[in-house]
N, C-alpha and C. Protein backbone atom coordinates (compact mmCIF):
# COMPACT_ATOMS: atom_id res chain seq x y z
N MET A 1 -43.40 33.19 39.17
CA MET A 1 -44.42 32.10 39.24
C MET A 1 -43.20 30.68 38.95
N ASN A 2 -42.58 30.64 37.90
CA ASN A 2 -41.40 29.67 37.73
C ASN A 2 -40.42 29.31 38.76
N ASP A 3 -40.42 30.66 39.41
CA ASP A 3 -39.19 30.30 40.74
C ASP A 3 -40.13 29.48 41.78
N TYR A 4 -41.12 29.98 41.88
CA TYR A 4 -42.14 29.56 42.85
C TYR A 4 -42.35 28.03 42.63
N PHE A 5 -42.64 27.75 41.57
CA PHE A 5 -43.16 26.19 40.81
C PHE A 5 -41.97 25.44 41.18
N HIS A 6 -40.77 25.79 40.74
CA HIS A 6 -39.70 25.17 40.87
C HIS A 6 -39.24 24.59 42.23
N LYS A 7 -39.15 25.56 43.08
CA LYS A 7 -39.01 25.54 44.48
C LYS A 7 -39.92 24.35 44.97
N LEU A 8 -41.53 24.56 44.73
CA LEU A 8 -42.28 23.79 45.07
C LEU A 8 -41.98 22.08 44.68
N ALA A 9 -41.59 22.25 43.43
CA ALA A 9 -41.41 20.95 42.59
C ALA A 9 -40.29 20.09 43.27
N VAL A 10 -39.21 20.88 43.77
CA VAL A 10 -37.97 20.28 44.27
C VAL A 10 -38.33 19.81 45.59
N LYS A 11 -38.95 20.53 46.37
CA LYS A 11 -39.47 20.06 47.86
C LYS A 11 -40.53 19.19 47.60
N ALA A 12 -41.34 19.00 46.89
CA ALA A 12 -42.35 17.79 46.38
C ALA A 12 -41.32 16.58 46.06
N SER A 13 -40.58 16.71 45.29
CA SER A 13 -39.86 15.70 44.82
C SER A 13 -39.08 14.88 46.07
N GLN A 14 -38.50 15.73 46.75
CA GLN A 14 -37.94 15.23 47.96
C GLN A 14 -38.68 14.58 49.00
N VAL A 15 -39.79 15.16 49.08
CA VAL A 15 -40.72 14.63 49.89
C VAL A 15 -41.53 13.11 49.49
N LEU A 16 -41.77 13.43 48.25
CA LEU A 16 -42.49 12.15 47.73
C LEU A 16 -41.67 11.08 47.53
N GLY A 17 -40.23 11.32 47.04
CA GLY A 17 -39.26 10.24 46.83
C GLY A 17 -38.62 9.88 48.24
N SER A 18 -39.27 10.10 49.26
CA SER A 18 -38.48 9.79 50.62
C SER A 18 -39.00 8.43 51.01
N PRO A 19 -38.12 7.55 51.72
CA PRO A 19 -38.78 6.43 52.23
C PRO A 19 -39.93 6.28 53.29
N VAL A 20 -39.91 7.45 53.61
CA VAL A 20 -41.24 7.72 54.75
C VAL A 20 -42.53 7.65 53.78
N MET A 21 -42.39 8.14 52.57
CA MET A 21 -43.77 8.08 51.54
C MET A 21 -43.94 6.87 51.04
N PHE A 22 -42.67 5.98 50.81
CA PHE A 22 -42.80 4.75 50.33
C PHE A 22 -43.36 3.97 51.33
N ILE A 23 -42.95 3.96 52.48
CA ILE A 23 -43.70 3.40 53.60
C ILE A 23 -45.21 3.67 53.70
N LEU A 24 -45.41 4.77 53.61
CA LEU A 24 -46.91 5.38 53.69
C LEU A 24 -47.65 4.62 52.72
N ALA A 25 -47.16 4.68 51.38
CA ALA A 25 -47.87 3.99 50.42
C ALA A 25 -48.06 2.68 50.59
N VAL A 26 -47.13 1.83 51.12
CA VAL A 26 -47.22 0.69 51.22
C VAL A 26 -48.21 0.29 52.21
N VAL A 27 -48.31 0.98 53.33
CA VAL A 27 -49.19 1.01 54.48
C VAL A 27 -50.70 1.24 54.17
N SER A 28 -50.94 2.25 52.89
CA SER A 28 -52.15 2.64 52.21
C SER A 28 -52.66 1.41 51.61
N ILE A 29 -51.77 0.73 50.90
CA ILE A 29 -52.24 -0.09 49.98
C ILE A 29 -52.67 -1.70 50.95
N ILE A 30 -51.86 -1.77 52.06
CA ILE A 30 -52.17 -2.87 52.87
C ILE A 30 -53.67 -2.61 53.71
N ILE A 31 -53.92 -1.31 54.03
CA ILE A 31 -55.32 -0.87 54.59
C ILE A 31 -56.25 -0.95 53.56
N TRP A 32 -55.77 -0.69 52.31
CA TRP A 32 -56.90 -1.01 51.29
C TRP A 32 -57.38 -2.22 51.10
N ILE A 33 -56.29 -3.09 50.94
CA ILE A 33 -56.46 -4.54 50.81
C ILE A 33 -57.28 -5.35 52.02
N ILE A 34 -56.69 -4.78 53.13
CA ILE A 34 -57.48 -5.47 54.59
C ILE A 34 -59.05 -4.79 54.22
N THR A 35 -59.55 -3.84 53.86
CA THR A 35 -60.72 -3.08 54.04
C THR A 35 -61.66 -3.92 52.79
N GLY A 36 -60.79 -4.57 52.00
CA GLY A 36 -61.82 -5.33 51.00
C GLY A 36 -63.01 -6.08 51.28
N PRO A 37 -62.66 -7.05 52.09
CA PRO A 37 -64.02 -7.63 52.73
C PRO A 37 -64.96 -7.17 53.49
N VAL A 38 -64.49 -6.16 54.11
CA VAL A 38 -65.33 -4.91 54.97
C VAL A 38 -66.48 -4.35 53.76
N PHE A 39 -65.81 -4.10 52.89
CA PHE A 39 -66.95 -3.27 51.63
C PHE A 39 -67.23 -4.08 50.51
N ASN A 40 -66.94 -5.61 50.85
CA ASN A 40 -67.41 -6.43 49.72
C ASN A 40 -66.85 -6.23 48.33
N TYR A 41 -65.66 -5.92 48.76
CA TYR A 41 -64.89 -5.70 47.31
C TYR A 41 -65.76 -4.82 46.23
N SER A 42 -66.37 -3.85 46.79
CA SER A 42 -67.53 -3.11 45.92
C SER A 42 -66.76 -2.10 44.78
N VAL A 43 -67.59 -1.74 43.99
CA VAL A 43 -66.87 -0.78 42.93
C VAL A 43 -66.52 0.46 43.72
N THR A 44 -67.17 1.12 44.67
CA THR A 44 -66.34 2.22 45.35
C THR A 44 -65.26 2.08 45.99
N TRP A 45 -65.06 0.70 46.84
CA TRP A 45 -63.73 0.28 47.19
C TRP A 45 -62.60 0.47 46.25
N GLN A 46 -62.79 -0.10 45.05
CA GLN A 46 -62.08 -0.19 44.05
C GLN A 46 -61.79 1.29 43.58
N LEU A 47 -62.79 1.94 43.38
CA LEU A 47 -62.64 3.40 43.27
C LEU A 47 -61.90 4.22 43.75
N VAL A 48 -61.81 3.86 45.21
CA VAL A 48 -60.73 4.96 45.98
C VAL A 48 -59.25 4.43 45.50
N ILE A 49 -58.74 3.38 45.34
CA ILE A 49 -57.63 3.14 45.09
C ILE A 49 -57.12 3.56 43.84
N ASN A 50 -58.15 3.68 42.66
CA ASN A 50 -57.91 3.86 41.28
C ASN A 50 -57.80 5.25 41.28
N THR A 51 -58.67 6.10 42.10
CA THR A 51 -58.70 7.60 41.87
C THR A 51 -57.35 8.23 42.57
N GLY A 52 -57.19 7.63 43.73
CA GLY A 52 -55.86 7.92 44.41
C GLY A 52 -54.65 7.67 43.70
N THR A 53 -54.78 6.46 43.04
CA THR A 53 -53.26 6.41 42.51
C THR A 53 -53.32 7.13 41.07
N ASN A 54 -54.36 7.28 40.46
CA ASN A 54 -54.25 8.37 39.46
C ASN A 54 -53.84 9.69 39.81
N LEU A 55 -54.50 10.22 40.88
CA LEU A 55 -54.11 11.55 41.24
C LEU A 55 -52.61 11.89 41.66
N VAL A 56 -51.93 10.68 42.14
CA VAL A 56 -50.72 10.78 42.72
C VAL A 56 -49.67 10.49 41.29
N ILE A 57 -50.26 9.63 40.33
CA ILE A 57 -49.47 9.46 39.10
C ILE A 57 -49.49 10.86 38.09
N PHE A 58 -50.62 11.67 38.16
CA PHE A 58 -50.83 12.74 37.49
C PHE A 58 -49.80 13.82 38.19
N ILE A 59 -49.91 13.92 39.27
CA ILE A 59 -49.01 15.06 40.02
C ILE A 59 -47.50 14.57 39.85
N MET A 60 -47.19 13.23 40.08
CA MET A 60 -45.71 12.87 39.68
C MET A 60 -45.38 13.13 38.31
N VAL A 61 -46.10 12.71 37.22
CA VAL A 61 -45.44 13.07 35.81
C VAL A 61 -45.08 14.58 35.82
N ILE A 62 -45.93 15.47 36.16
CA ILE A 62 -45.84 16.79 36.21
C ILE A 62 -44.39 17.20 36.71
N LEU A 63 -44.27 16.69 38.04
CA LEU A 63 -43.07 17.32 38.84
C LEU A 63 -41.59 16.55 38.17
N ILE A 64 -41.84 14.98 37.59
CA ILE A 64 -40.75 14.52 37.19
C ILE A 64 -40.37 15.00 35.88
N GLN A 65 -41.30 15.74 34.90
CA GLN A 65 -41.17 16.59 33.59
C GLN A 65 -40.33 17.65 34.03
N ASN A 66 -40.90 18.23 35.07
CA ASN A 66 -40.12 19.66 35.52
C ASN A 66 -38.84 19.30 35.88
N THR A 67 -38.72 18.34 36.71
CA THR A 67 -37.01 17.98 37.06
C THR A 67 -36.48 17.72 35.88
N GLN A 68 -36.76 16.88 35.13
CA GLN A 68 -36.33 16.46 33.77
C GLN A 68 -35.70 17.54 32.92
N ASN A 69 -36.75 18.35 32.55
CA ASN A 69 -36.45 19.71 31.71
C ASN A 69 -35.32 20.60 32.55
N ARG A 70 -35.44 20.91 33.65
CA ARG A 70 -34.44 21.65 34.20
C ARG A 70 -32.83 21.18 34.17
N ASP A 71 -32.81 19.73 34.61
CA ASP A 71 -31.50 18.98 34.57
C ASP A 71 -31.04 19.02 33.15
N SER A 72 -31.89 18.85 32.15
CA SER A 72 -31.59 18.57 30.94
C SER A 72 -30.92 20.05 30.42
N ARG A 73 -31.65 21.15 30.86
CA ARG A 73 -31.17 22.49 30.44
C ARG A 73 -29.90 22.76 31.29
N THR A 74 -29.67 22.57 32.41
CA THR A 74 -28.36 22.78 33.11
C THR A 74 -27.55 22.14 32.56
N ILE A 75 -27.42 20.62 32.31
CA ILE A 75 -26.41 19.87 31.35
C ILE A 75 -26.04 20.77 30.23
N HIS A 76 -26.99 21.21 29.38
CA HIS A 76 -26.79 21.83 28.23
C HIS A 76 -25.80 22.85 28.43
N LEU A 77 -26.31 23.91 29.38
CA LEU A 77 -25.33 25.03 29.79
C LEU A 77 -24.00 24.76 29.95
N LYS A 78 -23.79 23.51 31.13
CA LYS A 78 -22.41 23.30 31.35
C LYS A 78 -21.78 22.73 29.97
N LEU A 79 -22.30 22.02 29.42
CA LEU A 79 -21.73 21.59 28.19
C LEU A 79 -21.05 22.62 27.02
N ASP A 80 -22.01 23.48 26.98
CA ASP A 80 -21.85 24.81 26.18
C ASP A 80 -20.62 25.67 26.99
N GLU A 81 -20.50 25.59 28.01
CA GLU A 81 -19.41 26.23 28.79
C GLU A 81 -18.15 25.73 28.45
N LEU A 82 -18.18 24.09 28.38
CA LEU A 82 -17.02 23.40 28.13
C LEU A 82 -16.53 23.44 26.58
N LEU A 83 -17.43 23.81 25.78
CA LEU A 83 -17.25 24.03 24.38
C LEU A 83 -16.62 25.13 24.06
N ARG A 84 -17.05 26.31 25.02
CA ARG A 84 -16.52 27.75 24.87
C ARG A 84 -15.26 27.57 25.26
N VAL A 85 -14.77 26.94 26.23
CA VAL A 85 -13.26 27.05 27.09
C VAL A 85 -12.16 26.13 26.48
N ILE A 86 -12.70 25.09 25.64
CA ILE A 86 -11.78 24.09 25.19
C ILE A 86 -11.43 24.47 23.97
N HIS A 87 -9.69 24.75 23.76
CA HIS A 87 -9.49 24.95 22.42
C HIS A 87 -9.59 24.05 21.31
N GLY A 88 -10.18 24.29 20.13
CA GLY A 88 -10.31 23.35 19.40
C GLY A 88 -11.58 22.94 19.32
N ALA A 89 -12.39 23.20 20.08
CA ALA A 89 -13.89 22.72 20.04
C ALA A 89 -14.48 23.25 19.21
N ARG A 90 -15.56 22.64 18.65
CA ARG A 90 -16.45 23.33 17.75
C ARG A 90 -17.78 24.16 18.08
N SER A 91 -17.63 25.30 18.58
CA SER A 91 -18.58 26.16 19.14
C SER A 91 -19.67 26.22 18.26
N SER A 92 -19.76 25.58 16.83
CA SER A 92 -20.83 25.67 16.41
C SER A 92 -21.95 24.49 16.58
N ILE A 93 -21.68 23.73 17.40
CA ILE A 93 -22.61 22.55 17.82
C ILE A 93 -23.28 23.01 19.19
N VAL A 94 -23.05 24.23 19.86
CA VAL A 94 -23.34 24.63 21.11
C VAL A 94 -25.01 24.51 21.23
N ASP A 95 -25.83 24.82 19.89
CA ASP A 95 -27.10 24.90 19.64
C ASP A 95 -27.59 23.42 19.04
N VAL A 96 -26.75 22.53 19.28
CA VAL A 96 -27.00 20.88 18.39
C VAL A 96 -28.50 20.60 18.80
N GLU A 97 -28.99 21.01 20.03
CA GLU A 97 -30.48 20.65 20.19
C GLU A 97 -31.67 21.21 19.20
N GLU A 98 -31.29 22.14 18.54
CA GLU A 98 -31.98 22.79 17.54
C GLU A 98 -32.23 21.94 16.21
N LEU A 99 -30.99 21.21 15.87
CA LEU A 99 -30.74 20.53 14.69
C LEU A 99 -32.02 19.65 14.37
N SER A 100 -32.26 19.29 12.95
CA SER A 100 -33.41 18.28 12.70
C SER A 100 -32.92 17.10 12.91
N ASP A 101 -33.77 15.93 12.96
CA ASP A 101 -33.10 14.60 13.34
C ASP A 101 -32.14 14.10 12.20
N GLU A 102 -32.36 14.52 11.00
CA GLU A 102 -31.42 14.37 9.84
C GLU A 102 -29.93 14.84 10.13
N GLU A 103 -30.04 16.23 10.48
CA GLU A 103 -28.74 16.63 10.77
C GLU A 103 -27.95 16.15 12.23
N LEU A 104 -28.98 15.84 13.20
CA LEU A 104 -28.36 15.21 14.17
C LEU A 104 -27.85 13.66 13.76
N ASP A 105 -28.38 12.97 12.72
CA ASP A 105 -27.93 11.57 12.42
C ASP A 105 -26.45 11.87 11.74
N LYS A 106 -26.41 12.96 10.98
CA LYS A 106 -25.34 13.16 10.11
C LYS A 106 -23.94 13.61 11.16
N LEU A 107 -24.30 14.56 12.23
CA LEU A 107 -23.38 14.64 13.02
C LEU A 107 -23.04 13.34 14.03
N ALA A 108 -23.90 12.40 14.36
CA ALA A 108 -23.61 11.24 14.79
C ALA A 108 -22.79 10.56 14.17
N THR A 109 -23.00 10.32 12.84
CA THR A 109 -22.00 9.44 11.95
C THR A 109 -20.76 10.14 12.04
N GLU A 110 -20.55 11.48 11.89
CA GLU A 110 -19.33 12.33 11.88
C GLU A 110 -18.46 11.97 13.00
N PHE A 111 -19.28 11.92 14.15
CA PHE A 111 -18.55 11.52 15.36
C PHE A 111 -18.08 10.28 15.56
N LYS A 112 -18.87 9.24 14.98
CA LYS A 112 -18.65 7.77 15.04
C LYS A 112 -17.41 7.66 14.30
N GLY A 113 -17.37 8.10 13.15
CA GLY A 113 -16.24 8.19 12.31
C GLY A 113 -14.84 8.84 12.92
N LEU A 114 -15.14 9.77 13.81
CA LEU A 114 -13.72 10.41 14.74
C LEU A 114 -13.45 9.30 15.54
N HIS A 115 -14.40 8.56 16.10
CA HIS A 115 -14.17 8.01 17.29
C HIS A 115 -13.34 6.55 16.70
N ASP A 116 -13.98 6.11 15.50
CA ASP A 116 -13.16 4.84 14.94
C ASP A 116 -11.78 5.33 14.69
N LYS A 117 -11.57 6.56 14.05
CA LYS A 117 -10.24 6.82 13.64
C LYS A 117 -9.26 6.93 14.77
N TYR A 118 -9.82 7.62 16.07
CA TYR A 118 -8.89 7.70 17.28
C TYR A 118 -8.84 6.26 17.76
N LEU A 119 -9.57 5.43 17.69
CA LEU A 119 -9.41 4.17 18.06
C LEU A 119 -8.41 3.43 17.38
N GLY A 120 -8.50 3.59 16.30
CA GLY A 120 -7.51 3.00 15.20
C GLY A 120 -6.10 3.42 15.56
N GLU A 121 -6.05 4.74 15.59
CA GLU A 121 -4.72 5.28 16.02
C GLU A 121 -4.06 4.91 17.09
N ARG A 122 -4.93 4.63 18.28
CA ARG A 122 -4.61 4.39 19.43
C ARG A 122 -3.93 2.89 19.36
N ASN A 123 -4.76 2.21 18.79
CA ASN A 123 -4.37 0.89 18.53
C ASN A 123 -3.08 0.53 17.97
N ARG A 124 -2.81 1.55 16.96
CA ARG A 124 -1.58 1.48 16.20
C ARG A 124 -0.20 1.82 17.07
N ARG A 125 -0.31 2.68 17.94
CA ARG A 125 0.40 3.19 18.77
C ARG A 125 0.74 2.25 19.81
N SER A 126 -0.23 1.64 20.40
CA SER A 126 0.18 0.57 21.36
C SER A 126 0.69 -0.73 20.79
N SER A 127 0.79 -0.77 19.60
CA SER A 127 1.13 -2.01 18.90
C SER A 127 2.85 -2.20 18.99
């Protein structure tokens, strides 16, 4: 079922993110605005656009979250592979996403220090 949903989500994202769908959305809004006077700007007239946009937003949030989760997972796997093959890389940080916020802060501070040290050495060599 996950594979089917993924294929559906990818296809839906492609279709819903296309220029044709943007034009269709703009045309729909224009038609809705034009019909306002015909329906005396009634509550039902307003409800049509509110319901439509809420349904589209609801579906898009699910599709975007699915795409974001998958992209994040693939990026982590690619980075894990790079850590595995680079000599001297710390493979202990492969599962860094499992660390607590405090542990992540400590690791970020450590990397900031390494970065500052590298910049200092680079500046000394170029002087």
